[in-house]
Amino acid sequence: MKINRDWKLPKPEETEDGYVWKPIVRVGRTIPFGYKQDETDPDLLLPIPEELELLEKAKLFLQEYSVRKVAAWLSKESGREISHVGLY
């Protein structure tokens, strides 16, 4: 079985009210930051809009700050632990 290493999280749709995040299909054991497993479907991950919005801010902070500092900020703001390696 060939693994697609080019797969990336889908981009949100931008609306007047902000971003609209969509559920994604689970492709591995690890649940990406900003998503949670659907209680009724183990193969579906539901977005957590607050975490995904913080992640978008964190991407901008990476232009000025280290990955470690941004990961610490993101963990503090979201209440969900993310390592610098996970953020990278």
PDB file of N, CA and C in Angstrom:
ATOM      1  N   MET A   1       0.836  -1.173   0.000  1.00  0.00           N
ATOM      2  CA  MET A   1       0.000   0.000   0.000  1.00  0.00           C
ATOM      3  C   MET A   1       0.886   1.243   0.000  1.00  0.00           C
ATOM      4  N   LYS A   2       0.630   2.157  -0.920  1.00  0.00           N
ATOM      5  CA  LYS A   2       1.400   3.390  -1.015  1.00  0.00           C
ATOM      6  C   LYS A   2       0.731   4.481  -0.178  1.00  0.00           C
ATOM      7  N   ILE A   3       1.525   5.186   0.620  1.00  0.00           N
ATOM      8  CA  ILE A   3       1.009   6.257   1.467  1.00  0.00           C
ATOM      9  C   ILE A   3       1.192   7.587   0.753  1.00  0.00           C
ATOM     10  N   ASN A   4       0.131   8.384   0.724  1.00  0.00           N
ATOM     11  CA  ASN A   4       0.197   9.697   0.108  1.00  0.00           C
ATOM     12  C   ASN A   4       0.770  10.694   1.109  1.00  0.00           C
ATOM     13  N   ARG A   5       2.018  11.077   0.941  1.00  0.00           N
ATOM     14  CA  ARG A   5       2.685  11.987   1.875  1.00  0.00           C
ATOM     15  C   ARG A   5       2.379  13.455   1.567  1.00  0.00           C
ATOM     16  N   ASP A   6       1.708  13.728   0.464  1.00  0.00           N
ATOM     17  CA  ASP A   6       1.384  15.103   0.085  1.00  0.00           C
ATOM     18  C   ASP A   6       0.045  15.554   0.650  1.00  0.00           C
ATOM     19  N   TRP A   7      -0.646  14.682   1.392  1.00  0.00           N
ATOM     20  CA  TRP A   7      -1.966  15.023   1.909  1.00  0.00           C
ATOM     21  C   TRP A   7      -1.843  16.118   2.954  1.00  0.00           C
ATOM     22  N   LYS A   8      -2.719  17.111   2.903  1.00  0.00           N
ATOM     23  CA  LYS A   8      -2.733  18.200   3.866  1.00  0.00           C
ATOM     24  C   LYS A   8      -4.172  18.421   4.329  1.00  0.00           C
ATOM     25  N   LEU A   9      -4.319  19.052   5.502  1.00  0.00           N
ATOM     26  CA  LEU A   9      -5.657  19.388   5.990  1.00  0.00           C
ATOM     27  C   LEU A   9      -6.319  20.343   5.008  1.00  0.00           C
ATOM     28  N   PRO A  10      -7.617  20.169   4.770  1.00  0.00           N
ATOM     29  CA  PRO A  10      -8.302  21.054   3.822  1.00  0.00           C
ATOM     30  C   PRO A  10      -8.388  22.476   4.347  1.00  0.00           C
ATOM     31  N   LYS A  11      -8.349  23.421   3.420  1.00  0.00           N
ATOM     32  CA  LYS A  11      -8.485  24.835   3.772  1.00  0.00           C
ATOM     33  C   LYS A  11      -9.947  25.136   4.087  1.00  0.00           C
ATOM     34  N   PRO A  12     -10.189  26.041   5.025  1.00  0.00           N
ATOM     35  CA  PRO A  12     -11.574  26.408   5.347  1.00  0.00           C
ATOM     36  C   PRO A  12     -12.145  27.323   4.271  1.00  0.00           C
ATOM     37  N   GLU A  13     -13.467  27.379   4.234  1.00  0.00           N
ATOM     38  CA  GLU A  13     -14.124  28.335   3.367  1.00  0.00           C
ATOM     39  C   GLU A  13     -14.246  29.644   4.134  1.00  0.00           C
ATOM     40  N   GLU A  14     -13.909  30.746   3.485  1.00  0.00           N
ATOM     41  CA  GLU A  14     -13.997  32.039   4.150  1.00  0.00           C
ATOM     42  C   GLU A  14     -15.338  32.681   3.816  1.00  0.00           C
ATOM     43  N   THR A  15     -16.058  33.102   4.853  1.00  0.00           N
ATOM     44  CA  THR A  15     -17.347  33.754   4.682  1.00  0.00           C
ATOM     45  C   THR A  15     -17.304  35.125   5.346  1.00  0.00           C
ATOM     46  N   GLU A  16     -18.395  35.839   5.288  1.00  0.00           N
ATOM     47  CA  GLU A  16     -18.472  37.155   5.933  1.00  0.00           C
ATOM     48  C   GLU A  16     -18.329  37.039   7.444  1.00  0.00           C
ATOM     49  N   ASP A  17     -18.779  35.933   8.008  1.00  0.00           N
ATOM     50  CA  ASP A  17     -18.743  35.727   9.459  1.00  0.00           C
ATOM     51  C   ASP A  17     -17.452  35.081   9.936  1.00  0.00           C
ATOM     52  N   GLY A  18     -16.547  34.780   9.051  1.00  0.00           N
ATOM     53  CA  GLY A  18     -15.294  34.114   9.424  1.00  0.00           C
ATOM     54  C   GLY A  18     -15.099  32.860   8.601  1.00  0.00           C
ATOM     55  N   TYR A  19     -14.425  31.893   9.176  1.00  0.00           N
ATOM     56  CA  TYR A  19     -14.138  30.640   8.481  1.00  0.00           C
ATOM     57  C   TYR A  19     -15.210  29.598   8.764  1.00  0.00           C
ATOM     58  N   VAL A  20     -15.451  28.748   7.772  1.00  0.00           N
ATOM     59  CA  VAL A  20     -16.318  27.580   7.942  1.00  0.00           C
ATOM     60  C   VAL A  20     -15.428  26.356   7.794  1.00  0.00           C
ATOM     61  N   TRP A  21     -15.246  25.645   8.882  1.00  0.00           N
ATOM     62  CA  TRP A  21     -14.383  24.464   8.907  1.00  0.00           C
ATOM     63  C   TRP A  21     -15.227  23.234   8.628  1.00  0.00           C
ATOM     64  N   LYS A  22     -14.663  22.282   7.906  1.00  0.00           N
ATOM     65  CA  LYS A  22     -15.393  21.076   7.533  1.00  0.00           C
ATOM     66  C   LYS A  22     -14.831  19.848   8.227  1.00  0.00           C
ATOM     67  N   PRO A  23     -15.688  18.855   8.481  1.00  0.00           N
ATOM     68  CA  PRO A  23     -15.190  17.581   9.017  1.00  0.00           C
ATOM     69  C   PRO A  23     -14.239  16.934   8.006  1.00  0.00           C
ATOM     70  N   ILE A  24     -13.320  16.128   8.515  1.00  0.00           N
ATOM     71  CA  ILE A  24     -12.384  15.418   7.641  1.00  0.00           C
ATOM     72  C   ILE A  24     -12.414  13.938   7.970  1.00  0.00           C
ATOM     73  N   VAL A  25     -11.963  13.131   7.032  1.00  0.00           N
ATOM     74  CA  VAL A  25     -11.871  11.691   7.228  1.00  0.00           C
ATOM     75  C   VAL A  25     -10.580  11.393   7.984  1.00  0.00           C
ATOM     76  N   ARG A  26     -10.677  10.516   8.955  1.00  0.00           N
ATOM     77  CA  ARG A  26      -9.504  10.128   9.733  1.00  0.00           C
ATOM     78  C   ARG A  26      -8.616   9.232   8.888  1.00  0.00           C
ATOM     79  N   VAL A  27      -7.323   9.590   8.785  1.00  0.00           N
ATOM     80  CA  VAL A  27      -6.405   8.818   7.959  1.00  0.00           C
ATOM     81  C   VAL A  27      -5.289   8.147   8.762  1.00  0.00           C
ATOM     82  N   GLY A  28      -5.280   8.340  10.075  1.00  0.00           N
ATOM     83  CA  GLY A  28      -4.232   7.733  10.893  1.00  0.00           C
ATOM     84  C   GLY A  28      -4.669   7.659  12.343  1.00  0.00           C
ATOM     85  N   ARG A  29      -3.743   7.231  13.186  1.00  0.00           N
ATOM     86  CA  ARG A  29      -4.044   7.108  14.619  1.00  0.00           C
ATOM     87  C   ARG A  29      -4.136   8.444  15.316  1.00  0.00           C
ATOM     88  N   THR A  30      -3.305   9.380  14.902  1.00  0.00           N
ATOM     89  CA  THR A  30      -3.229  10.665  15.576  1.00  0.00           C
ATOM     90  C   THR A  30      -4.323  11.603  15.084  1.00  0.00           C
ATOM     91  N   ILE A  31      -4.984  12.254  16.025  1.00  0.00           N
ATOM     92  CA  ILE A  31      -6.008  13.237  15.675  1.00  0.00           C
ATOM     93  C   ILE A  31      -5.321  14.591  15.597  1.00  0.00           C
ATOM     94  N   PRO A  32      -5.420  15.281  14.459  1.00  0.00           N
ATOM     95  CA  PRO A  32      -4.743  16.571  14.314  1.00  0.00           C
ATOM     96  C   PRO A  32      -5.279  17.617  15.291  1.00  0.00           C
ATOM     97  N   PHE A  33      -4.416  18.562  15.631  1.00  0.00           N
ATOM     98  CA  PHE A  33      -4.801  19.672  16.486  1.00  0.00           C
ATOM     99  C   PHE A  33      -5.958  20.406  15.823  1.00  0.00           C
ATOM    100  N   GLY A  34      -6.987  20.710  16.610  1.00  0.00           N
ATOM    101  CA  GLY A  34      -8.137  21.427  16.072  1.00  0.00           C
ATOM    102  C   GLY A  34      -9.277  20.517  15.655  1.00  0.00           C
ATOM    103  N   TYR A  35      -9.123  19.226  15.873  1.00  0.00           N
ATOM    104  CA  TYR A  35     -10.171  18.267  15.509  1.00  0.00           C
ATOM    105  C   TYR A  35     -10.426  17.314  16.663  1.00  0.00           C
ATOM    106  N   LYS A  36     -11.620  16.731  16.677  1.00  0.00           N
ATOM    107  CA  LYS A  36     -11.970  15.701  17.656  1.00  0.00           C
ATOM    108  C   LYS A  36     -12.723  14.600  16.919  1.00  0.00           C
ATOM    109  N   GLN A  37     -12.667  13.408  17.466  1.00  0.00           N
ATOM    110  CA  GLN A  37     -13.324  12.274  16.831  1.00  0.00           C
ATOM    111  C   GLN A  37     -14.834  12.379  16.995  1.00  0.00           C
ATOM    112  N   ASP A  38     -15.551  12.104  15.927  1.00  0.00           N
ATOM    113  CA  ASP A  38     -17.013  12.067  15.962  1.00  0.00           C
ATOM    114  C   ASP A  38     -17.424  10.876  16.826  1.00  0.00           C
ATOM    115  N   GLU A  39     -18.324  11.107  17.768  1.00  0.00           N
ATOM    116  CA  GLU A  39     -18.746  10.034  18.673  1.00  0.00           C
ATOM    117  C   GLU A  39     -19.543   8.945  17.963  1.00  0.00           C
ATOM    118  N   THR A  40     -20.173   9.261  16.841  1.00  0.00           N
ATOM    119  CA  THR A  40     -20.992   8.279  16.135  1.00  0.00           C
ATOM    120  C   THR A  40     -20.274   7.608  14.972  1.00  0.00           C
ATOM    121  N   ASP A  41     -19.162   8.192  14.508  1.00  0.00           N
ATOM    122  CA  ASP A  41     -18.429   7.644  13.371  1.00  0.00           C
ATOM    123  C   ASP A  41     -16.931   7.707  13.657  1.00  0.00           C
ATOM    124  N   PRO A  42     -16.284   6.570  13.928  1.00  0.00           N
ATOM    125  CA  PRO A  42     -14.863   6.578  14.275  1.00  0.00           C
ATOM    126  C   PRO A  42     -13.946   6.995  13.121  1.00  0.00           C
ATOM    127  N   ASP A  43     -14.464   7.058  11.910  1.00  0.00           N
ATOM    128  CA  ASP A  43     -13.652   7.446  10.759  1.00  0.00           C
ATOM    129  C   ASP A  43     -13.795   8.921  10.395  1.00  0.00           C
ATOM    130  N   LEU A  44     -14.497   9.683  11.216  1.00  0.00           N
ATOM    131  CA  LEU A  44     -14.737  11.089  10.910  1.00  0.00           C
ATOM    132  C   LEU A  44     -14.219  11.962  12.050  1.00  0.00           C
ATOM    133  N   LEU A  45     -13.547  13.042  11.690  1.00  0.00           N
ATOM    134  CA  LEU A  45     -13.046  14.002  12.668  1.00  0.00           C
ATOM    135  C   LEU A  45     -13.805  15.313  12.502  1.00  0.00           C
ATOM    136  N   LEU A  46     -14.284  15.830  13.609  1.00  0.00           N
ATOM    137  CA  LEU A  46     -15.052  17.076  13.597  1.00  0.00           C
ATOM    138  C   LEU A  46     -14.156  18.252  13.963  1.00  0.00           C
ATOM    139  N   PRO A  47     -14.332  19.382  13.297  1.00  0.00           N
ATOM    140  CA  PRO A  47     -13.494  20.539  13.608  1.00  0.00           C
ATOM    141  C   PRO A  47     -13.855  21.173  14.949  1.00  0.00           C
ATOM    142  N   ILE A  48     -12.853  21.745  15.588  1.00  0.00           N
ATOM    143  CA  ILE A  48     -13.031  22.554  16.785  1.00  0.00           C
ATOM    144  C   ILE A  48     -12.652  23.974  16.355  1.00  0.00           C
ATOM    145  N   PRO A  49     -13.636  24.781  15.958  1.00  0.00           N
ATOM    146  CA  PRO A  49     -13.343  26.090  15.347  1.00  0.00           C
ATOM    147  C   PRO A  49     -12.412  26.979  16.168  1.00  0.00           C
ATOM    148  N   GLU A  50     -12.568  27.013  17.483  1.00  0.00           N
ATOM    149  CA  GLU A  50     -11.723  27.868  18.317  1.00  0.00           C
ATOM    150  C   GLU A  50     -10.250  27.483  18.185  1.00  0.00           C
ATOM    151  N   GLU A  51      -9.966  26.179  18.213  1.00  0.00           N
ATOM    152  CA  GLU A  51      -8.586  25.711  18.102  1.00  0.00           C
ATOM    153  C   GLU A  51      -8.031  25.973  16.701  1.00  0.00           C
ATOM    154  N   LEU A  52      -8.845  25.790  15.695  1.00  0.00           N
ATOM    155  CA  LEU A  52      -8.374  26.008  14.331  1.00  0.00           C
ATOM    156  C   LEU A  52      -8.097  27.486  14.063  1.00  0.00           C
ATOM    157  N   GLU A  53      -8.888  28.369  14.665  1.00  0.00           N
ATOM    158  CA  GLU A  53      -8.639  29.810  14.523  1.00  0.00           C
ATOM    159  C   GLU A  53      -7.318  30.178  15.218  1.00  0.00           C
ATOM    160  N   LEU A  54      -7.074  29.602  16.404  1.00  0.00           N
ATOM    161  CA  LEU A  54      -5.804  29.838  17.093  1.00  0.00           C
ATOM    162  C   LEU A  54      -4.630  29.305  16.277  1.00  0.00           C
ATOM    163  N   LEU A  55      -4.818  28.179  15.628  1.00  0.00           N
ATOM    164  CA  LEU A  55      -3.770  27.599  14.797  1.00  0.00           C
ATOM    165  C   LEU A  55      -3.434  28.520  13.626  1.00  0.00           C
ATOM    166  N   GLU A  56      -4.442  29.153  13.051  1.00  0.00           N
ATOM    167  CA  GLU A  56      -4.203  30.107  11.964  1.00  0.00           C
ATOM    168  C   GLU A  56      -3.380  31.293  12.473  1.00  0.00           C
ATOM    169  N   LYS A  57      -3.679  31.786  13.678  1.00  0.00           N
ATOM    170  CA  LYS A  57      -2.887  32.867  14.277  1.00  0.00           C
ATOM    171  C   LYS A  57      -1.456  32.406  14.520  1.00  0.00           C
ATOM    172  N   ALA A  58      -1.324  31.166  15.015  1.00  0.00           N
ATOM    173  CA  ALA A  58       0.000  30.626  15.308  1.00  0.00           C
ATOM    174  C   ALA A  58       0.865  30.586  14.055  1.00  0.00           C
ATOM    175  N   LYS A  59       0.272  30.279  12.914  1.00  0.00           N
ATOM    176  CA  LYS A  59       1.036  30.249  11.663  1.00  0.00           C
ATOM    177  C   LYS A  59       1.630  31.617  11.358  1.00  0.00           C
ATOM    178  N   LEU A  60       0.889  32.671  11.652  1.00  0.00           N
ATOM    179  CA  LEU A  60       1.404  34.023  11.443  1.00  0.00           C
ATOM    180  C   LEU A  60       2.530  34.347  12.426  1.00  0.00           C
ATOM    181  N   PHE A  61       2.392  33.899  13.680  1.00  0.00           N
ATOM    182  CA  PHE A  61       3.416  34.146  14.690  1.00  0.00           C
ATOM    183  C   PHE A  61       4.741  33.467  14.348  1.00  0.00           C
ATOM    184  N   LEU A  62       4.677  32.373  13.580  1.00  0.00           N
ATOM    185  CA  LEU A  62       5.898  31.643  13.225  1.00  0.00           C
ATOM    186  C   LEU A  62       6.837  32.473  12.350  1.00  0.00           C
ATOM    187  N   GLN A  63       6.324  33.534  11.764  1.00  0.00           N
ATOM    188  CA  GLN A  63       7.173  34.406  10.955  1.00  0.00           C
ATOM    189  C   GLN A  63       8.100  35.244  11.839  1.00  0.00           C
ATOM    190  N   GLU A  64       7.727  35.441  13.112  1.00  0.00           N
ATOM    191  CA  GLU A  64       8.506  36.272  14.024  1.00  0.00           C
ATOM    192  C   GLU A  64       9.127  35.520  15.187  1.00  0.00           C
ATOM    193  N   TYR A  65       8.474  34.439  15.629  1.00  0.00           N
ATOM    194  CA  TYR A  65       8.905  33.750  16.840  1.00  0.00           C
ATOM    195  C   TYR A  65       9.307  32.315  16.541  1.00  0.00           C
ATOM    196  N   SER A  66      10.004  31.705  17.500  1.00  0.00           N
ATOM    197  CA  SER A  66      10.449  30.322  17.329  1.00  0.00           C
ATOM    198  C   SER A  66       9.262  29.362  17.420  1.00  0.00           C
ATOM    199  N   VAL A  67       9.453  28.180  16.884  1.00  0.00           N
ATOM    200  CA  VAL A  67       8.407  27.156  16.920  1.00  0.00           C
ATOM    201  C   VAL A  67       8.098  26.782  18.368  1.00  0.00           C
ATOM    202  N   ARG A  68       9.109  26.711  19.215  1.00  0.00           N
ATOM    203  CA  ARG A  68       8.892  26.387  20.630  1.00  0.00           C
ATOM    204  C   ARG A  68       8.024  27.440  21.324  1.00  0.00           C
ATOM    205  N   LYS A  69       8.309  28.717  21.082  1.00  0.00           N
ATOM    206  CA  LYS A  69       7.535  29.788  21.719  1.00  0.00           C
ATOM    207  C   LYS A  69       6.089  29.791  21.222  1.00  0.00           C
ATOM    208  N   VAL A  70       5.907  29.581  19.940  1.00  0.00           N
ATOM    209  CA  VAL A  70       4.548  29.574  19.382  1.00  0.00           C
ATOM    210  C   VAL A  70       3.780  28.354  19.886  1.00  0.00           C
ATOM    211  N   ALA A  71       4.432  27.204  19.977  1.00  0.00           N
ATOM    212  CA  ALA A  71       3.769  26.002  20.504  1.00  0.00           C
ATOM    213  C   ALA A  71       3.357  26.205  21.958  1.00  0.00           C
ATOM    214  N   ALA A  72       4.217  26.858  22.757  1.00  0.00           N
ATOM    215  CA  ALA A  72       3.875  27.137  24.157  1.00  0.00           C
ATOM    216  C   ALA A  72       2.677  28.086  24.226  1.00  0.00           C
ATOM    217  N   TRP A  73       2.676  29.118  23.398  1.00  0.00           N
ATOM    218  CA  TRP A  73       1.555  30.060  23.362  1.00  0.00           C
ATOM    219  C   TRP A  73       0.267  29.352  22.969  1.00  0.00           C
ATOM    220  N   LEU A  74       0.343  28.525  21.924  1.00  0.00           N
ATOM    221  CA  LEU A  74      -0.833  27.817  21.428  1.00  0.00           C
ATOM    222  C   LEU A  74      -1.382  26.857  22.478  1.00  0.00           C
ATOM    223  N   SER A  75      -0.504  26.162  23.179  1.00  0.00           N
ATOM    224  CA  SER A  75      -0.932  25.248  24.247  1.00  0.00           C
ATOM    225  C   SER A  75      -1.638  26.013  25.363  1.00  0.00           C
ATOM    226  N   LYS A  76      -1.073  27.162  25.733  1.00  0.00           N
ATOM    227  CA  LYS A  76      -1.661  27.966  26.812  1.00  0.00           C
ATOM    228  C   LYS A  76      -3.022  28.515  26.395  1.00  0.00           C
ATOM    229  N   GLU A  77      -3.127  29.053  25.198  1.00  0.00           N
ATOM    230  CA  GLU A  77      -4.363  29.672  24.731  1.00  0.00           C
ATOM    231  C   GLU A  77      -5.486  28.668  24.490  1.00  0.00           C
ATOM    232  N   SER A  78      -5.120  27.488  23.985  1.00  0.00           N
ATOM    233  CA  SER A  78      -6.138  26.500  23.615  1.00  0.00           C
ATOM    234  C   SER A  78      -6.501  25.560  24.759  1.00  0.00           C
ATOM    235  N   GLY A  79      -5.575  25.393  25.708  1.00  0.00           N
ATOM    236  CA  GLY A  79      -5.800  24.423  26.771  1.00  0.00           C
ATOM    237  C   GLY A  79      -5.543  22.994  26.311  1.00  0.00           C
ATOM    238  N   ARG A  80      -5.036  22.842  25.109  1.00  0.00           N
ATOM    239  CA  ARG A  80      -4.713  21.524  24.547  1.00  0.00           C
ATOM    240  C   ARG A  80      -3.227  21.510  24.221  1.00  0.00           C
ATOM    241  N   GLU A  81      -2.521  20.549  24.750  1.00  0.00           N
ATOM    242  CA  GLU A  81      -1.070  20.478  24.587  1.00  0.00           C
ATOM    243  C   GLU A  81      -0.683  20.196  23.142  1.00  0.00           C
ATOM    244  N   ILE A  82       0.273  20.973  22.639  1.00  0.00           N
ATOM    245  CA  ILE A  82       0.868  20.702  21.331  1.00  0.00           C
ATOM    246  C   ILE A  82       2.369  20.961  21.464  1.00  0.00           C
ATOM    247  N   SER A  83       3.171  20.024  21.018  1.00  0.00           N
ATOM    248  CA  SER A  83       4.612  20.177  21.108  1.00  0.00           C
ATOM    249  C   SER A  83       5.119  21.021  19.940  1.00  0.00           C
ATOM    250  N   HIS A  84       6.358  21.475  20.059  1.00  0.00           N
ATOM    251  CA  HIS A  84       6.945  22.225  18.954  1.00  0.00           C
ATOM    252  C   HIS A  84       7.089  21.328  17.709  1.00  0.00           C
ATOM    253  N   VAL A  85       7.338  20.045  17.938  1.00  0.00           N
ATOM    254  CA  VAL A  85       7.450  19.105  16.817  1.00  0.00           C
ATOM    255  C   VAL A  85       6.080  18.933  16.151  1.00  0.00           C
ATOM    256  N   GLY A  86       5.024  18.822  16.963  1.00  0.00           N
ATOM    257  CA  GLY A  86       3.676  18.689  16.411  1.00  0.00           C
ATOM    258  C   GLY A  86       3.257  19.924  15.631  1.00  0.00           C
ATOM    259  N   LEU A  87       3.661  21.085  16.111  1.00  0.00           N
ATOM    260  CA  LEU A  87       3.327  22.327  15.411  1.00  0.00           C
ATOM    261  C   LEU A  87       4.103  22.444  14.115  1.00  0.00           C
ATOM    262  N   TYR A  88       5.378  22.029  14.157  1.00  0.00           N
ATOM    263  CA  TYR A  88       6.220  22.116  12.969  1.00  0.00           C
ATOM    264  C   TYR A  88       5.664  21.267  11.849  1.00  0.00           C
TER     265      TYR A  88
END
